[in-house]
Amino acid sequence: MDWDRLAGDWSNMGGKVRQNWGKLTDEDIRQAGGRRDMLLERIRERYGLGPDEAEKQLEDWASSHAGGSPGQAV
């Protein structure tokens, strides 16, 4: 996954993040500012997830939004 691609387009990612994790506030997303570790922490806090489950969810989401073509490692 190319997190840099997502972080670089963070201003357009907020809505997509909210679609997947509706409990995150606009402030959570703004504060994360494309920082993966911060977003991961907010997801864990809001959903009460353990580190492995939060990591899996974020990885799955990022892979589907990183803009890679099918079959291409992102």
PDB file of N, CA and C in Angstrom:
ATOM      1  N   MET A   1       0.848  -1.179   0.000  1.00  0.00           N
ATOM      2  CA  MET A   1       0.000   0.000   0.000  1.00  0.00           C
ATOM      3  C   MET A   1       0.886   1.232   0.000  1.00  0.00           C
ATOM      4  N   ASP A   2       0.460   2.222  -0.739  1.00  0.00           N
ATOM      5  CA  ASP A   2       1.201   3.466  -0.821  1.00  0.00           C
ATOM      6  C   ASP A   2       0.496   4.529   0.009  1.00  0.00           C
ATOM      7  N   TRP A   3       0.805   4.573   1.289  1.00  0.00           N
ATOM      8  CA  TRP A   3       0.137   5.521   2.177  1.00  0.00           C
ATOM      9  C   TRP A   3       0.445   6.955   1.774  1.00  0.00           C
ATOM     10  N   ASP A   4       1.611   7.202   1.218  1.00  0.00           N
ATOM     11  CA  ASP A   4       1.976   8.548   0.798  1.00  0.00           C
ATOM     12  C   ASP A   4       0.983   9.097  -0.220  1.00  0.00           C
ATOM     13  N   ARG A   5       0.479   8.242  -1.079  1.00  0.00           N
ATOM     14  CA  ARG A   5      -0.513   8.664  -2.073  1.00  0.00           C
ATOM     15  C   ARG A   5      -1.796   9.120  -1.377  1.00  0.00           C
ATOM     16  N   LEU A   6      -2.228   8.369  -0.385  1.00  0.00           N
ATOM     17  CA  LEU A   6      -3.433   8.749   0.363  1.00  0.00           C
ATOM     18  C   LEU A   6      -3.202  10.034   1.150  1.00  0.00           C
ATOM     19  N   ALA A   7      -2.083  10.095   1.829  1.00  0.00           N
ATOM     20  CA  ALA A   7      -1.786  11.272   2.649  1.00  0.00           C
ATOM     21  C   ALA A   7      -1.665  12.518   1.790  1.00  0.00           C
ATOM     22  N   GLY A   8      -1.117  12.376   0.597  1.00  0.00           N
ATOM     23  CA  GLY A   8      -0.954  13.510  -0.294  1.00  0.00           C
ATOM     24  C   GLY A   8      -2.276  14.067  -0.792  1.00  0.00           C
ATOM     25  N   ASP A   9      -3.313  13.253  -0.770  1.00  0.00           N
ATOM     26  CA  ASP A   9      -4.642  13.669  -1.217  1.00  0.00           C
ATOM     27  C   ASP A   9      -5.613  13.684  -0.038  1.00  0.00           C
ATOM     28  N   TRP A  10      -5.090  13.959   1.141  1.00  0.00           N
ATOM     29  CA  TRP A  10      -5.881  13.848   2.368  1.00  0.00           C
ATOM     30  C   TRP A  10      -7.110  14.741   2.363  1.00  0.00           C
ATOM     31  N   SER A  11      -7.024  15.908   1.737  1.00  0.00           N
ATOM     32  CA  SER A  11      -8.172  16.815   1.723  1.00  0.00           C
ATOM     33  C   SER A  11      -9.370  16.196   1.024  1.00  0.00           C
ATOM     34  N   ASN A  12      -9.128  15.255   0.131  1.00  0.00           N
ATOM     35  CA  ASN A  12     -10.217  14.563  -0.558  1.00  0.00           C
ATOM     36  C   ASN A  12     -10.561  13.225   0.083  1.00  0.00           C
ATOM     37  N   MET A  13      -9.803  12.812   1.063  1.00  0.00           N
ATOM     38  CA  MET A  13     -10.004  11.507   1.685  1.00  0.00           C
ATOM     39  C   MET A  13     -10.963  11.544   2.870  1.00  0.00           C
ATOM     40  N   GLY A  14     -11.192  12.713   3.446  1.00  0.00           N
ATOM     41  CA  GLY A  14     -12.017  12.817   4.654  1.00  0.00           C
ATOM     42  C   GLY A  14     -13.381  12.170   4.506  1.00  0.00           C
ATOM     43  N   GLY A  15     -14.053  12.443   3.419  1.00  0.00           N
ATOM     44  CA  GLY A  15     -15.375  11.859   3.194  1.00  0.00           C
ATOM     45  C   GLY A  15     -15.322  10.351   3.068  1.00  0.00           C
ATOM     46  N   LYS A  16     -14.273   9.861   2.434  1.00  0.00           N
ATOM     47  CA  LYS A  16     -14.121   8.415   2.270  1.00  0.00           C
ATOM     48  C   LYS A  16     -13.814   7.738   3.600  1.00  0.00           C
ATOM     49  N   VAL A  17     -13.045   8.430   4.428  1.00  0.00           N
ATOM     50  CA  VAL A  17     -12.762   7.903   5.768  1.00  0.00           C
ATOM     51  C   VAL A  17     -14.062   7.841   6.568  1.00  0.00           C
ATOM     52  N   ARG A  18     -14.863   8.907   6.501  1.00  0.00           N
ATOM     53  CA  ARG A  18     -16.130   8.951   7.242  1.00  0.00           C
ATOM     54  C   ARG A  18     -17.120   7.904   6.749  1.00  0.00           C
ATOM     55  N   GLN A  19     -17.098   7.577   5.451  1.00  0.00           N
ATOM     56  CA  GLN A  19     -17.978   6.538   4.929  1.00  0.00           C
ATOM     57  C   GLN A  19     -17.651   5.198   5.573  1.00  0.00           C
ATOM     58  N   ASN A  20     -16.395   4.958   5.808  1.00  0.00           N
ATOM     59  CA  ASN A  20     -15.980   3.674   6.371  1.00  0.00           C
ATOM     60  C   ASN A  20     -16.064   3.656   7.896  1.00  0.00           C
ATOM     61  N   TRP A  21     -15.720   4.748   8.524  1.00  0.00           N
ATOM     62  CA  TRP A  21     -15.711   4.845   9.990  1.00  0.00           C
ATOM     63  C   TRP A  21     -16.542   6.058  10.404  1.00  0.00           C
ATOM     64  N   GLY A  22     -17.842   5.896  10.430  1.00  0.00           N
ATOM     65  CA  GLY A  22     -18.766   6.985  10.715  1.00  0.00           C
ATOM     66  C   GLY A  22     -18.662   7.564  12.111  1.00  0.00           C
ATOM     67  N   LYS A  23     -18.056   6.842  13.028  1.00  0.00           N
ATOM     68  CA  LYS A  23     -17.905   7.369  14.388  1.00  0.00           C
ATOM     69  C   LYS A  23     -16.776   8.383  14.494  1.00  0.00           C
ATOM     70  N   LEU A  24     -15.917   8.448  13.496  1.00  0.00           N
ATOM     71  CA  LEU A  24     -14.855   9.445  13.515  1.00  0.00           C
ATOM     72  C   LEU A  24     -15.461  10.808  13.245  1.00  0.00           C
ATOM     73  N   THR A  25     -14.998  11.795  13.971  1.00  0.00           N
ATOM     74  CA  THR A  25     -15.485  13.153  13.770  1.00  0.00           C
ATOM     75  C   THR A  25     -14.650  13.848  12.698  1.00  0.00           C
ATOM     76  N   ASP A  26     -15.175  14.952  12.207  1.00  0.00           N
ATOM     77  CA  ASP A  26     -14.395  15.759  11.264  1.00  0.00           C
ATOM     78  C   ASP A  26     -13.085  16.196  11.910  1.00  0.00           C
ATOM     79  N   GLU A  27     -13.152  16.489  13.196  1.00  0.00           N
ATOM     80  CA  GLU A  27     -11.947  16.894  13.929  1.00  0.00           C
ATOM     81  C   GLU A  27     -10.935  15.749  13.994  1.00  0.00           C
ATOM     82  N   ASP A  28     -11.399  14.517  14.219  1.00  0.00           N
ATOM     83  CA  ASP A  28     -10.497  13.359  14.219  1.00  0.00           C
ATOM     84  C   ASP A  28      -9.747  13.265  12.898  1.00  0.00           C
ATOM     85  N   ILE A  29     -10.498  13.417  11.823  1.00  0.00           N
ATOM     86  CA  ILE A  29      -9.922  13.288  10.485  1.00  0.00           C
ATOM     87  C   ILE A  29      -8.967  14.445  10.206  1.00  0.00           C
ATOM     88  N   ARG A  30      -9.375  15.643  10.584  1.00  0.00           N
ATOM     89  CA  ARG A  30      -8.510  16.804  10.382  1.00  0.00           C
ATOM     90  C   ARG A  30      -7.211  16.664  11.166  1.00  0.00           C
ATOM     91  N   GLN A  31      -7.322  16.245  12.425  1.00  0.00           N
ATOM     92  CA  GLN A  31      -6.124  16.093  13.247  1.00  0.00           C
ATOM     93  C   GLN A  31      -5.201  15.001  12.720  1.00  0.00           C
ATOM     94  N   ALA A  32      -5.768  13.944  12.177  1.00  0.00           N
ATOM     95  CA  ALA A  32      -4.938  12.879  11.605  1.00  0.00           C
ATOM     96  C   ALA A  32      -4.119  13.445  10.456  1.00  0.00           C
ATOM     97  N   GLY A  33      -4.722  14.295   9.667  1.00  0.00           N
ATOM     98  CA  GLY A  33      -3.991  15.001   8.621  1.00  0.00           C
ATOM     99  C   GLY A  33      -3.190  14.110   7.695  1.00  0.00           C
ATOM    100  N   GLY A  34      -3.650  12.905   7.467  1.00  0.00           N
ATOM    101  CA  GLY A  34      -2.932  11.982   6.599  1.00  0.00           C
ATOM    102  C   GLY A  34      -1.899  11.130   7.323  1.00  0.00           C
ATOM    103  N   ARG A  35      -1.757  11.357   8.621  1.00  0.00           N
ATOM    104  CA  ARG A  35      -0.800  10.554   9.402  1.00  0.00           C
ATOM    105  C   ARG A  35      -1.452   9.228   9.771  1.00  0.00           C
ATOM    106  N   ARG A  36      -0.907   8.180   9.246  1.00  0.00           N
ATOM    107  CA  ARG A  36      -1.469   6.850   9.417  1.00  0.00           C
ATOM    108  C   ARG A  36      -1.587   6.461  10.885  1.00  0.00           C
ATOM    109  N   ASP A  37      -0.540   6.707  11.661  1.00  0.00           N
ATOM    110  CA  ASP A  37      -0.541   6.324  13.069  1.00  0.00           C
ATOM    111  C   ASP A  37      -1.635   7.036  13.853  1.00  0.00           C
ATOM    112  N   MET A  38      -1.862   8.314  13.527  1.00  0.00           N
ATOM    113  CA  MET A  38      -2.897   9.092  14.218  1.00  0.00           C
ATOM    114  C   MET A  38      -4.285   8.574  13.845  1.00  0.00           C
ATOM    115  N   LEU A  39      -4.501   8.289  12.566  1.00  0.00           N
ATOM    116  CA  LEU A  39      -5.793   7.763  12.132  1.00  0.00           C
ATOM    117  C   LEU A  39      -6.044   6.407  12.773  1.00  0.00           C
ATOM    118  N   LEU A  40      -5.044   5.572  12.813  1.00  0.00           N
ATOM    119  CA  LEU A  40      -5.174   4.254  13.430  1.00  0.00           C
ATOM    120  C   LEU A  40      -5.561   4.371  14.898  1.00  0.00           C
ATOM    121  N   GLU A  41      -4.950   5.291  15.604  1.00  0.00           N
ATOM    122  CA  GLU A  41      -5.273   5.503  17.019  1.00  0.00           C
ATOM    123  C   GLU A  41      -6.712   5.980  17.195  1.00  0.00           C
ATOM    124  N   ARG A  42      -7.154   6.889  16.346  1.00  0.00           N
ATOM    125  CA  ARG A  42      -8.540   7.382  16.434  1.00  0.00           C
ATOM    126  C   ARG A  42      -9.542   6.264  16.148  1.00  0.00           C
ATOM    127  N   ILE A  43      -9.251   5.429  15.187  1.00  0.00           N
ATOM    128  CA  ILE A  43     -10.133   4.293  14.885  1.00  0.00           C
ATOM    129  C   ILE A  43     -10.213   3.371  16.093  1.00  0.00           C
ATOM    130  N   ARG A  44      -9.085   3.086  16.704  1.00  0.00           N
ATOM    131  CA  ARG A  44      -9.066   2.218  17.893  1.00  0.00           C
ATOM    132  C   ARG A  44      -9.886   2.828  19.021  1.00  0.00           C
ATOM    133  N   GLU A  45      -9.711   4.121  19.256  1.00  0.00           N
ATOM    134  CA  GLU A  45     -10.438   4.799  20.340  1.00  0.00           C
ATOM    135  C   GLU A  45     -11.943   4.792  20.108  1.00  0.00           C
ATOM    136  N   ARG A  46     -12.365   5.194  18.921  1.00  0.00           N
ATOM    137  CA  ARG A  46     -13.796   5.342  18.641  1.00  0.00           C
ATOM    138  C   ARG A  46     -14.530   4.008  18.563  1.00  0.00           C
ATOM    139  N   TYR A  47     -13.835   2.950  18.135  1.00  0.00           N
ATOM    140  CA  TYR A  47     -14.504   1.663  17.928  1.00  0.00           C
ATOM    141  C   TYR A  47     -14.121   0.607  18.956  1.00  0.00           C
ATOM    142  N   GLY A  48     -13.211   0.930  19.866  1.00  0.00           N
ATOM    143  CA  GLY A  48     -12.811  -0.025  20.887  1.00  0.00           C
ATOM    144  C   GLY A  48     -12.138  -1.265  20.314  1.00  0.00           C
ATOM    145  N   LEU A  49     -11.379  -1.077  19.255  1.00  0.00           N
ATOM    146  CA  LEU A  49     -10.727  -2.203  18.585  1.00  0.00           C
ATOM    147  C   LEU A  49      -9.324  -2.434  19.141  1.00  0.00           C
ATOM    148  N   GLY A  50      -8.915  -3.668  19.073  1.00  0.00           N
ATOM    149  CA  GLY A  50      -7.545  -4.004  19.402  1.00  0.00           C
ATOM    150  C   GLY A  50      -6.638  -3.594  18.252  1.00  0.00           C
ATOM    151  N   PRO A  51      -5.343  -3.575  18.499  1.00  0.00           N
ATOM    152  CA  PRO A  51      -4.418  -3.103  17.467  1.00  0.00           C
ATOM    153  C   PRO A  51      -4.457  -3.927  16.185  1.00  0.00           C
ATOM    154  N   ASP A  52      -4.591  -5.234  16.293  1.00  0.00           N
ATOM    155  CA  ASP A  52      -4.588  -6.078  15.096  1.00  0.00           C
ATOM    156  C   ASP A  52      -5.817  -5.843  14.231  1.00  0.00           C
ATOM    157  N   GLU A  53      -6.988  -5.735  14.846  1.00  0.00           N
ATOM    158  CA  GLU A  53      -8.217  -5.527  14.085  1.00  0.00           C
ATOM    159  C   GLU A  53      -8.231  -4.140  13.454  1.00  0.00           C
ATOM    160  N   ALA A  54      -7.814  -3.130  14.194  1.00  0.00           N
ATOM    161  CA  ALA A  54      -7.770  -1.773  13.642  1.00  0.00           C
ATOM    162  C   ALA A  54      -6.791  -1.715  12.475  1.00  0.00           C
ATOM    163  N   GLU A  55      -5.662  -2.345  12.621  1.00  0.00           N
ATOM    164  CA  GLU A  55      -4.654  -2.384  11.559  1.00  0.00           C
ATOM    165  C   GLU A  55      -5.206  -3.059  10.313  1.00  0.00           C
ATOM    166  N   LYS A  56      -5.908  -4.160  10.494  1.00  0.00           N
ATOM    167  CA  LYS A  56      -6.481  -4.882   9.359  1.00  0.00           C
ATOM    168  C   LYS A  56      -7.510  -4.021   8.645  1.00  0.00           C
ATOM    169  N   GLN A  57      -8.384  -3.377   9.392  1.00  0.00           N
ATOM    170  CA  GLN A  57      -9.393  -2.521   8.779  1.00  0.00           C
ATOM    171  C   GLN A  57      -8.755  -1.382   7.997  1.00  0.00           C
ATOM    172  N   LEU A  58      -7.759  -0.745   8.586  1.00  0.00           N
ATOM    173  CA  LEU A  58      -7.104   0.372   7.919  1.00  0.00           C
ATOM    174  C   LEU A  58      -6.358  -0.098   6.677  1.00  0.00           C
ATOM    175  N   GLU A  59      -5.703  -1.216   6.774  1.00  0.00           N
ATOM    176  CA  GLU A  59      -4.975  -1.775   5.629  1.00  0.00           C
ATOM    177  C   GLU A  59      -5.934  -2.102   4.485  1.00  0.00           C
ATOM    178  N   ASP A  60      -7.059  -2.733   4.807  1.00  0.00           N
ATOM    179  CA  ASP A  60      -8.057  -3.069   3.785  1.00  0.00           C
ATOM    180  C   ASP A  60      -8.613  -1.808   3.136  1.00  0.00           C
ATOM    181  N   TRP A  61      -8.942  -0.816   3.950  1.00  0.00           N
ATOM    182  CA  TRP A  61      -9.474   0.431   3.428  1.00  0.00           C
ATOM    183  C   TRP A  61      -8.455   1.124   2.533  1.00  0.00           C
ATOM    184  N   ALA A  62      -7.236   1.242   3.014  1.00  0.00           N
ATOM    185  CA  ALA A  62      -6.198   1.940   2.255  1.00  0.00           C
ATOM    186  C   ALA A  62      -5.914   1.238   0.925  1.00  0.00           C
ATOM    187  N   SER A  63      -5.913  -0.072   0.944  1.00  0.00           N
ATOM    188  CA  SER A  63      -5.664  -0.821  -0.290  1.00  0.00           C
ATOM    189  C   SER A  63      -6.745  -0.557  -1.320  1.00  0.00           C
ATOM    190  N   SER A  64      -7.958  -0.354  -0.865  1.00  0.00           N
ATOM    191  CA  SER A  64      -9.055  -0.118  -1.804  1.00  0.00           C
ATOM    192  C   SER A  64      -9.137   1.341  -2.256  1.00  0.00           C
ATOM    193  N   HIS A  65      -8.399   2.240  -1.622  1.00  0.00           N
ATOM    194  CA  HIS A  65      -8.472   3.663  -1.968  1.00  0.00           C
ATOM    195  C   HIS A  65      -7.159   4.269  -2.440  1.00  0.00           C
ATOM    196  N   ALA A  66      -6.131   3.475  -2.527  1.00  0.00           N
ATOM    197  CA  ALA A  66      -4.814   4.031  -2.871  1.00  0.00           C
ATOM    198  C   ALA A  66      -4.654   4.315  -4.365  1.00  0.00           C
ATOM    199  N   GLY A  67      -5.633   3.934  -5.174  1.00  0.00           N
ATOM    200  CA  GLY A  67      -5.580   4.281  -6.576  1.00  0.00           C
ATOM    201  C   GLY A  67      -4.785   3.342  -7.437  1.00  0.00           C
ATOM    202  N   GLY A  68      -4.398   2.193  -6.893  1.00  0.00           N
ATOM    203  CA  GLY A  68      -3.691   1.213  -7.711  1.00  0.00           C
ATOM    204  C   GLY A  68      -4.648   0.478  -8.609  1.00  0.00           C
ATOM    205  N   SER A  69      -4.163  -0.034  -9.696  1.00  0.00           N
ATOM    206  CA  SER A  69      -5.022  -0.806 -10.580  1.00  0.00           C
ATOM    207  C   SER A  69      -5.147  -2.219 -10.061  1.00  0.00           C
ATOM    208  N   PRO A  70      -6.220  -2.940 -10.456  1.00  0.00           N
ATOM    209  CA  PRO A  70      -6.411  -4.305  -9.962  1.00  0.00           C
ATOM    210  C   PRO A  70      -5.203  -5.174 -10.246  1.00  0.00           C
ATOM    211  N   GLY A  71      -4.821  -5.927  -9.257  1.00  0.00           N
ATOM    212  CA  GLY A  71      -3.676  -6.809  -9.393  1.00  0.00           C
ATOM    213  C   GLY A  71      -2.352  -6.128  -9.144  1.00  0.00           C
ATOM    214  N   GLN A  72      -2.368  -4.828  -8.972  1.00  0.00           N
ATOM    215  CA  GLN A  72      -1.154  -4.075  -8.721  1.00  0.00           C
ATOM    216  C   GLN A  72      -0.972  -3.882  -7.232  1.00  0.00           C
ATOM    217  N   ALA A  73       0.205  -4.183  -6.726  1.00  0.00           N
ATOM    218  CA  ALA A  73       0.474  -3.956  -5.308  1.00  0.00           C
ATOM    219  C   ALA A  73       0.463  -2.463  -5.058  1.00  0.00           C
ATOM    220  N   VAL A  74      -0.234  -2.077  -4.023  1.00  0.00           N
ATOM    221  CA  VAL A  74      -0.274  -0.654  -3.658  1.00  0.00           C
ATOM    222  C   VAL A  74       0.318  -0.460  -2.295  1.00  0.00           C
TER     223      VAL A  74
END
